[in-house]
C-alpha atoms as a PDB file:
ATOM      1  CA  UNK A   1     -51.760 -56.996  11.454  1.00  0.00           C
ATOM      2  CA  UNK A   2     -52.941 -59.784   9.116  1.00  0.00           C
ATOM      3  CA  UNK A   3     -51.100 -58.814   5.922  1.00  0.00           C
ATOM      4  CA  UNK A   4     -52.933 -61.373   3.808  1.00  0.00           C
ATOM      5  CA  UNK A   5     -56.363 -60.065   4.812  1.00  0.00           C
ATOM      6  CA  UNK A   6     -55.325 -56.467   4.133  1.00  0.00           C
ATOM      7  CA  UNK A   7     -54.030 -57.392   0.667  1.00  0.00           C
ATOM      8  CA  UNK A   8     -57.102 -59.498  -0.138  1.00  0.00           C
ATOM      9  CA  UNK A   9     -59.529 -56.672   0.686  1.00  0.00           C
ATOM     10  CA  UNK A  10     -57.559 -54.010  -1.216  1.00  0.00           C
ATOM     11  CA  UNK A  11     -59.302 -53.082  -4.511  1.00  0.00           C
ATOM     12  CA  UNK A  12     -55.912 -52.909  -6.225  1.00  0.00           C
ATOM     13  CA  UNK A  13     -55.570 -56.673  -5.865  1.00  0.00           C
ATOM     14  CA  UNK A  14     -59.169 -57.804  -6.263  1.00  0.00           C
ATOM     15  CA  UNK A  15     -59.391 -60.968  -8.340  1.00  0.00           C
ATOM     16  CA  UNK A  16     -55.849 -62.232  -7.797  1.00  0.00           C
ATOM     17  CA  UNK A  17     -55.373 -65.942  -7.107  1.00  0.00           C
ATOM     18  CA  UNK A  18     -54.436 -67.502  -3.779  1.00  0.00           C
ATOM     19  CA  UNK A  19     -50.989 -68.192  -5.204  1.00  0.00           C
ATOM     20  CA  UNK A  20     -50.625 -64.513  -6.135  1.00  0.00           C
ATOM     21  CA  UNK A  21     -51.697 -63.557  -2.613  1.00  0.00           C
ATOM     22  CA  UNK A  22     -48.905 -65.774  -1.307  1.00  0.00           C
ATOM     23  CA  UNK A  23     -46.410 -64.015  -3.563  1.00  0.00           C
ATOM     24  CA  UNK A  24     -47.647 -60.543  -2.606  1.00  0.00           C
ATOM     25  CA  UNK A  25     -47.478 -61.386   1.074  1.00  0.00           C
ATOM     26  CA  UNK A  26     -43.884 -62.524   0.688  1.00  0.00           C
ATOM     27  CA  UNK A  27     -42.654 -59.204  -0.737  1.00  0.00           C
ATOM     28  CA  UNK A  28     -44.492 -56.779   1.576  1.00  0.00           C
ATOM     29  CA  UNK A  29     -44.070 -55.841   5.227  1.00  0.00           C
ATOM     30  CA  UNK A  30     -46.135 -54.125   7.893  1.00  0.00           C
ATOM     31  CA  UNK A  31     -45.296 -50.686   9.188  1.00  0.00           C
ATOM     32  CA  UNK A  32     -46.751 -48.810  12.179  1.00  0.00           C
ATOM     33  CA  UNK A  33     -46.709 -45.026  11.869  1.00  0.00           C
ATOM     34  CA  UNK A  34     -47.451 -42.246  14.304  1.00  0.00           C
ATOM     35  CA  UNK A  35     -49.643 -39.220  13.602  1.00  0.00           C
ATOM     36  CA  UNK A  36     -47.646 -36.539  11.775  1.00  0.00           C
ATOM     37  CA  UNK A  37     -44.799 -38.856  10.762  1.00  0.00           C
ATOM     38  CA  UNK A  38     -43.578 -37.951   7.268  1.00  0.00           C
ATOM     39  CA  UNK A  39     -43.665 -41.068   5.120  1.00  0.00           C
ATOM     40  CA  UNK A  40     -42.002 -39.405   2.159  1.00  0.00           C
ATOM     41  CA  UNK A  41     -41.489 -35.970   0.625  1.00  0.00           C
ATOM     42  CA  UNK A  42     -42.091 -34.636  -2.857  1.00  0.00           C
ATOM     43  CA  UNK A  43     -39.125 -35.307  -5.140  1.00  0.00           C
ATOM     44  CA  UNK A  44     -37.694 -38.184  -3.118  1.00  0.00           C
ATOM     45  CA  UNK A  45     -36.785 -41.377  -4.959  1.00  0.00           C
ATOM     46  CA  UNK A  46     -39.734 -43.749  -4.624  1.00  0.00           C
ATOM     47  CA  UNK A  47     -38.820 -46.727  -2.451  1.00  0.00           C
ATOM     48  CA  UNK A  48     -42.227 -48.372  -2.867  1.00  0.00           C
ATOM     49  CA  UNK A  49     -45.946 -47.899  -2.269  1.00  0.00           C
ATOM     50  CA  UNK A  50     -48.424 -48.453   0.571  1.00  0.00           C
ATOM     51  CA  UNK A  51     -51.807 -49.873   1.543  1.00  0.00           C
ATOM     52  CA  UNK A  52     -53.576 -48.320   4.530  1.00  0.00           C
ATOM     53  CA  UNK A  53     -54.595 -51.170   6.852  1.00  0.00           C
ATOM     54  CA  UNK A  54     -55.992 -48.844   9.530  1.00  0.00           C
ATOM     55  CA  UNK A  55     -55.921 -45.105  10.160  1.00  0.00           C
ATOM     56  CA  UNK A  56     -55.828 -42.308   7.580  1.00  0.00           C
ATOM     57  CA  UNK A  57     -53.047 -40.776   5.489  1.00  0.00           C
ATOM     58  CA  UNK A  58     -53.105 -37.375   3.813  1.00  0.00           C
ATOM     59  CA  UNK A  59     -51.372 -36.797   0.495  1.00  0.00           C
ATOM     60  CA  UNK A  60     -50.476 -33.157   0.011  1.00  0.00           C
ATOM     61  CA  UNK A  61     -48.390 -30.584  -1.805  1.00  0.00           C
ATOM     62  CA  UNK A  62     -46.626 -27.506  -0.447  1.00  0.00           C
ATOM     63  CA  UNK A  63     -46.556 -24.151  -2.204  1.00  0.00           C
ATOM     64  CA  UNK A  64     -43.268 -22.195  -2.436  1.00  0.00           C
ATOM     65  CA  UNK A  65     -44.547 -20.237   0.589  1.00  0.00           C
ATOM     66  CA  UNK A  66     -45.097 -23.455   2.536  1.00  0.00           C
ATOM     67  CA  UNK A  67     -48.894 -23.480   2.283  1.00  0.00           C
ATOM     68  CA  UNK A  68     -50.355 -26.975   2.366  1.00  0.00           C
ATOM     69  CA  UNK A  69     -52.804 -28.231  -0.258  1.00  0.00           C
ATOM     70  CA  UNK A  70     -54.339 -31.628   0.479  1.00  0.00           C
ATOM     71  CA  UNK A  71     -54.797 -33.717  -2.652  1.00  0.00           C
ATOM     72  CA  UNK A  72     -56.692 -36.554  -1.022  1.00  0.00           C
ATOM     73  CA  UNK A  73     -57.141 -38.581   2.152  1.00  0.00           C
ATOM     74  CA  UNK A  74     -56.426 -42.323   1.956  1.00  0.00           C
ATOM     75  CA  UNK A  75     -58.653 -44.513   4.133  1.00  0.00           C
ATOM     76  CA  UNK A  76     -58.313 -48.218   5.082  1.00  0.00           C
ATOM     77  CA  UNK A  77     -58.113 -50.424   2.015  1.00  0.00           C
ATOM     78  CA  UNK A  78     -56.777 -47.595  -0.116  1.00  0.00           C
ATOM     79  CA  UNK A  79     -53.343 -47.418  -1.705  1.00  0.00           C
ATOM     80  CA  UNK A  80     -51.011 -44.526  -2.337  1.00  0.00           C
ATOM     81  CA  UNK A  81     -47.727 -43.835  -4.167  1.00  0.00           C
ATOM     82  CA  UNK A  82     -48.227 -46.797  -6.515  1.00  0.00           C
ATOM     83  CA  UNK A  83     -47.801 -44.557  -9.578  1.00  0.00           C
ATOM     84  CA  UNK A  84     -44.473 -43.310  -8.208  1.00  0.00           C
ATOM     85  CA  UNK A  85     -42.742 -46.661  -8.709  1.00  0.00           C
ATOM     86  CA  UNK A  86     -43.063 -46.150 -12.464  1.00  0.00           C
ATOM     87  CA  UNK A  87     -41.947 -43.282 -14.723  1.00  0.00           C
ATOM     88  CA  UNK A  88     -39.214 -41.112 -13.234  1.00  0.00           C
ATOM     89  CA  UNK A  89     -39.496 -43.000  -9.947  1.00  0.00           C
ATOM     90  CA  UNK A  90     -39.999 -39.931  -7.741  1.00  0.00           C
ATOM     91  CA  UNK A  91     -42.703 -39.283  -5.177  1.00  0.00           C
ATOM     92  CA  UNK A  92     -44.921 -36.490  -6.575  1.00  0.00           C
ATOM     93  CA  UNK A  93     -46.189 -35.221  -3.195  1.00  0.00           C
ATOM     94  CA  UNK A  94     -45.883 -35.572   0.576  1.00  0.00           C
ATOM     95  CA  UNK A  95     -47.551 -38.259   2.717  1.00  0.00           C
ATOM     96  CA  UNK A  96     -48.345 -38.081   6.429  1.00  0.00           C
ATOM     97  CA  UNK A  97     -50.690 -40.051   8.728  1.00  0.00           C
ATOM     98  CA  UNK A  98     -53.523 -37.998  10.228  1.00  0.00           C
ATOM     99  CA  UNK A  99     -53.803 -40.503  13.089  1.00  0.00           C
ATOM    100  CA  UNK A 100     -51.752 -43.455  14.270  1.00  0.00           C
ATOM    101  CA  UNK A 101     -51.878 -45.803  11.293  1.00  0.00           C
ATOM    102  CA  UNK A 102     -50.941 -49.317  10.283  1.00  0.00           C
ATOM    103  CA  UNK A 103     -49.627 -49.599   6.734  1.00  0.00           C
ATOM    104  CA  UNK A 104     -48.488 -52.330   4.382  1.00  0.00           C
ATOM    105  CA  UNK A 105     -45.379 -51.393   2.402  1.00  0.00           C
ATOM    106  CA  UNK A 106     -44.394 -52.921  -0.953  1.00  0.00           C
ATOM    107  CA  UNK A 107     -40.719 -52.284  -1.859  1.00  0.00           C
ATOM    108  CA  UNK A 108     -40.310 -51.104  -5.438  1.00  0.00           C
ATOM    109  CA  UNK A 109     -37.702 -53.561  -6.717  1.00  0.00           C
ATOM    110  CA  UNK A 110     -39.317 -56.698  -5.301  1.00  0.00           C
ATOM    111  CA  UNK A 111     -42.769 -55.641  -6.448  1.00  0.00           C
ATOM    112  CA  UNK A 112     -41.689 -54.817 -10.004  1.00  0.00           C
ATOM    113  CA  UNK A 113     -39.943 -58.183 -10.235  1.00  0.00           C
ATOM    114  CA  UNK A 114     -43.249 -59.779  -9.219  1.00  0.00           C
ATOM    115  CA  UNK A 115     -45.155 -57.845 -11.914  1.00  0.00           C
ATOM    116  CA  UNK A 116     -42.758 -59.080 -14.602  1.00  0.00           C
ATOM    117  CA  UNK A 117     -43.445 -62.668 -13.678  1.00  0.00           C
ATOM    118  CA  UNK A 118     -47.194 -62.647 -12.977  1.00  0.00           C
ATOM    119  CA  UNK A 119     -49.527 -61.015 -15.496  1.00  0.00           C
ATOM    120  CA  UNK A 120     -52.722 -60.876 -13.416  1.00  0.00           C
ATOM    121  CA  UNK A 121     -51.066 -58.770 -10.736  1.00  0.00           C
ATOM    122  CA  UNK A 122     -49.831 -56.376 -13.446  1.00  0.00           C
ATOM    123  CA  UNK A 123     -53.328 -56.157 -14.979  1.00  0.00           C
ATOM    124  CA  UNK A 124     -54.804 -55.301 -11.578  1.00  0.00           C
ATOM    125  CA  UNK A 125     -52.140 -52.639 -11.125  1.00  0.00           C
ATOM    126  CA  UNK A 126     -53.140 -50.990 -14.408  1.00  0.00           C
ATOM    127  CA  UNK A 127     -56.749 -50.907 -13.248  1.00  0.00           C
ATOM    128  CA  UNK A 128     -55.748 -49.299  -9.970  1.00  0.00           C
ATOM    129  CA  UNK A 129     -53.695 -46.625 -11.698  1.00  0.00           C
ATOM    130  CA  UNK A 130     -56.643 -45.896 -14.015  1.00  0.00           C
ATOM    131  CA  UNK A 131     -58.874 -45.293 -10.975  1.00  0.00           C
ATOM    132  CA  UNK A 132     -56.197 -42.997  -9.585  1.00  0.00           C
ATOM    133  CA  UNK A 133     -56.179 -40.924 -12.791  1.00  0.00           C
ATOM    134  CA  UNK A 134     -59.988 -40.719 -12.859  1.00  0.00           C
ATOM    135  CA  UNK A 135     -59.965 -39.500  -9.269  1.00  0.00           C
ATOM    136  CA  UNK A 136     -57.642 -36.629 -10.111  1.00  0.00           C
ATOM    137  CA  UNK A 137     -59.543 -35.778 -13.280  1.00  0.00           C
ATOM    138  CA  UNK A 138     -62.708 -35.507 -11.174  1.00  0.00           C
ATOM    139  CA  UNK A 139     -60.925 -33.350  -8.618  1.00  0.00           C
ATOM    140  CA  UNK A 140     -59.698 -30.974 -11.324  1.00  0.00           C
ATOM    141  CA  UNK A 141     -63.229 -30.755 -12.742  1.00  0.00           C
ATOM    142  CA  UNK A 142     -64.640 -29.903  -9.307  1.00  0.00           C
ATOM    143  CA  UNK A 143     -62.075 -27.150  -8.716  1.00  0.00           C
ATOM    144  CA  UNK A 144     -62.650 -25.722 -12.180  1.00  0.00           C
ATOM    145  CA  UNK A 145     -66.418 -25.823 -12.496  1.00  0.00           C
ATOM    146  CA  UNK A 146     -67.895 -26.017  -8.978  1.00  0.00           C
ATOM    147  CA  UNK A 147     -68.019 -23.317  -6.304  1.00  0.00           C
ATOM    148  CA  UNK A 148     -67.218 -24.010  -2.654  1.00  0.00           C
ATOM    149  CA  UNK A 149     -70.844 -24.752  -1.532  1.00  0.00           C
ATOM    150  CA  UNK A 150     -71.177 -27.291  -4.337  1.00  0.00           C
ATOM    151  CA  UNK A 151     -67.812 -28.881  -3.500  1.00  0.00           C
ATOM    152  CA  UNK A 152     -68.736 -29.111   0.179  1.00  0.00           C
ATOM    153  CA  UNK A 153     -72.155 -30.605  -0.621  1.00  0.00           C
ATOM    154  CA  UNK A 154     -70.525 -33.188  -2.887  1.00  0.00           C
ATOM    155  CA  UNK A 155     -68.010 -34.082  -0.173  1.00  0.00           C
ATOM    156  CA  UNK A 156     -70.808 -34.570   2.375  1.00  0.00           C
ATOM    157  CA  UNK A 157     -72.738 -36.726  -0.087  1.00  0.00           C
ATOM    158  CA  UNK A 158     -69.667 -38.900  -0.605  1.00  0.00           C
ATOM    159  CA  UNK A 159     -69.366 -39.293   3.185  1.00  0.00           C
ATOM    160  CA  UNK A 160     -72.778 -40.929   3.164  1.00  0.00           C
ATOM    161  CA  UNK A 161     -75.205 -38.038   3.406  1.00  0.00           C
ATOM    162  CA  UNK A 162     -77.193 -39.559   0.537  1.00  0.00           C
ATOM    163  CA  UNK A 163     -78.251 -42.384   2.875  1.00  0.00           C
ATOM    164  CA  UNK A 164     -77.768 -40.996   6.389  1.00  0.00           C
ATOM    165  CA  UNK A 165     -79.079 -37.957   8.209  1.00  0.00           C
ATOM    166  CA  UNK A 166     -75.836 -37.542  10.113  1.00  0.00           C
ATOM    167  CA  UNK A 167     -72.187 -37.773   9.035  1.00  0.00           C
ATOM    168  CA  UNK A 168     -68.917 -37.161  10.821  1.00  0.00           C
ATOM    169  CA  UNK A 169     -66.040 -35.305   9.213  1.00  0.00           C
ATOM    170  CA  UNK A 170     -62.994 -37.626   9.238  1.00  0.00           C
ATOM    171  CA  UNK A 171     -60.578 -34.683   9.163  1.00  0.00           C
ATOM    172  CA  UNK A 172     -60.292 -31.262  10.784  1.00  0.00           C
ATOM    173  CA  UNK A 173     -62.115 -28.389   9.091  1.00  0.00           C
ATOM    174  CA  UNK A 174     -58.812 -26.698   8.267  1.00  0.00           C
ATOM    175  CA  UNK A 175     -57.746 -29.859   6.449  1.00  0.00           C
ATOM    176  CA  UNK A 176     -61.137 -30.096   4.765  1.00  0.00           C
ATOM    177  CA  UNK A 177     -60.714 -26.536   3.498  1.00  0.00           C
ATOM    178  CA  UNK A 178     -57.410 -27.538   1.909  1.00  0.00           C
ATOM    179  CA  UNK A 179     -58.998 -30.691   0.452  1.00  0.00           C
ATOM    180  CA  UNK A 180     -61.753 -28.565  -1.141  1.00  0.00           C
ATOM    181  CA  UNK A 181     -59.312 -26.025  -2.549  1.00  0.00           C
ATOM    182  CA  UNK A 182     -60.359 -23.114  -0.356  1.00  0.00           C
ATOM    183  CA  UNK A 183     -59.406 -21.442   2.935  1.00  0.00           C
ATOM    184  CA  UNK A 184     -60.805 -21.963   6.421  1.00  0.00           C
ATOM    185  CA  UNK A 185     -62.646 -18.639   6.500  1.00  0.00           C
ATOM    186  CA  UNK A 186     -64.506 -19.388   3.251  1.00  0.00           C
ATOM    187  CA  UNK A 187     -65.380 -22.893   4.427  1.00  0.00           C
ATOM    188  CA  UNK A 188     -66.738 -21.517   7.721  1.00  0.00           C
ATOM    189  CA  UNK A 189     -68.926 -19.037   5.824  1.00  0.00           C
ATOM    190  CA  UNK A 190     -70.176 -21.865   3.624  1.00  0.00           C
ATOM    191  CA  UNK A 191     -71.124 -23.983   6.629  1.00  0.00           C
ATOM    192  CA  UNK A 192     -72.986 -20.993   8.111  1.00  0.00           C
ATOM    193  CA  UNK A 193     -74.760 -20.349   4.806  1.00  0.00           C
ATOM    194  CA  UNK A 194     -75.982 -23.951   4.548  1.00  0.00           C
ATOM    195  CA  UNK A 195     -77.020 -23.794   8.195  1.00  0.00           C
ATOM    196  CA  UNK A 196     -78.965 -20.553   7.676  1.00  0.00           C
ATOM    197  CA  UNK A 197     -80.700 -22.066   4.636  1.00  0.00           C
ATOM    198  CA  UNK A 198     -81.838 -25.060   6.679  1.00  0.00           C
ATOM    199  CA  UNK A 199     -79.782 -27.582   4.719  1.00  0.00           C
ATOM    200  CA  UNK A 200     -77.532 -28.736   7.588  1.00  0.00           C
ATOM    201  CA  UNK A 201     -76.629 -28.040  11.200  1.00  0.00           C
ATOM    202  CA  UNK A 202     -73.095 -28.366  12.526  1.00  0.00           C
ATOM    203  CA  UNK A 203     -71.924 -29.655  15.910  1.00  0.00           C
ATOM    204  CA  UNK A 204     -68.138 -29.813  15.803  1.00  0.00           C
ATOM    205  CA  UNK A 205     -67.328 -32.558  13.294  1.00  0.00           C
ATOM    206  CA  UNK A 206     -70.896 -33.910  13.309  1.00  0.00           C
ATOM    207  CA  UNK A 207     -73.014 -32.679  10.395  1.00  0.00           C
ATOM    208  CA  UNK A 208     -76.783 -33.160  10.662  1.00  0.00           C
ATOM    209  CA  UNK A 209     -78.504 -33.339   7.279  1.00  0.00           C
ATOM    210  CA  UNK A 210     -81.825 -31.478   7.457  1.00  0.00           C
ATOM    211  CA  UNK A 211     -82.631 -31.259   3.733  1.00  0.00           C
ATOM    212  CA  UNK A 212     -80.944 -34.135   1.831  1.00  0.00           C
ATOM    213  CA  UNK A 213     -82.728 -33.283  -1.430  1.00  0.00           C
ATOM    214  CA  UNK A 214     -81.384 -29.739  -1.388  1.00  0.00           C
ATOM    215  CA  UNK A 215     -77.901 -31.016  -0.484  1.00  0.00           C
ATOM    216  CA  UNK A 216     -77.988 -33.448  -3.410  1.00  0.00           C
ATOM    217  CA  UNK A 217     -79.168 -30.700  -5.757  1.00  0.00           C
ATOM    218  CA  UNK A 218     -76.384 -28.407  -4.570  1.00  0.00           C
ATOM    219  CA  UNK A 219     -73.751 -31.150  -5.031  1.00  0.00           C
ATOM    220  CA  UNK A 220     -74.702 -31.467  -8.710  1.00  0.00           C
ATOM    221  CA  UNK A 221     -74.683 -27.739  -9.445  1.00  0.00           C
ATOM    222  CA  UNK A 222     -72.001 -25.887 -11.396  1.00  0.00           C
ATOM    223  CA  UNK A 223     -70.900 -22.308 -11.066  1.00  0.00           C
ATOM    224  CA  UNK A 224     -72.543 -19.901 -13.494  1.00  0.00           C
END
């Protein structure tokens, strides 16, 4: 794993100098993780944060009954747990790779020392945390104002359905149901409904887009 390349291509550190890249590379380390390995649990003291170099990591919560609710899926280039190194210093959720993944880990103490000494890295960090907050604000809006067909259409559009006639789901449908704030049975009915209406066809994880205009219209709709 080329740590420098991973850091350079991460949006959180876009615009940093070569010297800052040197400093960031010195404080981080690579970590290989297996599918299903728990990286941290909700309430644990935050030891640091991560960049996904390859693979996918799910961030999720558990209800008191043990039901899983996926908050988001982190893809290569994305970061997670960066907010946890501030504030009360606790991880707010669980993290687990969906596939074998290569991660870059930044220990909390060393990274915070670096922020105190180098302003541009700190400014980039603020920008990254702002994007994180906007992402969750958007997710709350979707759950509040959009029904499941609209949420699914929006998800497919974000996968690339606006430009392609075929997309592949990066996660299992049960995990997608959790990500969309619904249950598997409701998601299956929604897929069938869109299929019956001639909007999409489904072959396992492959979704064929038959009517992209209708899918786009549905993604922008709000529940009445």
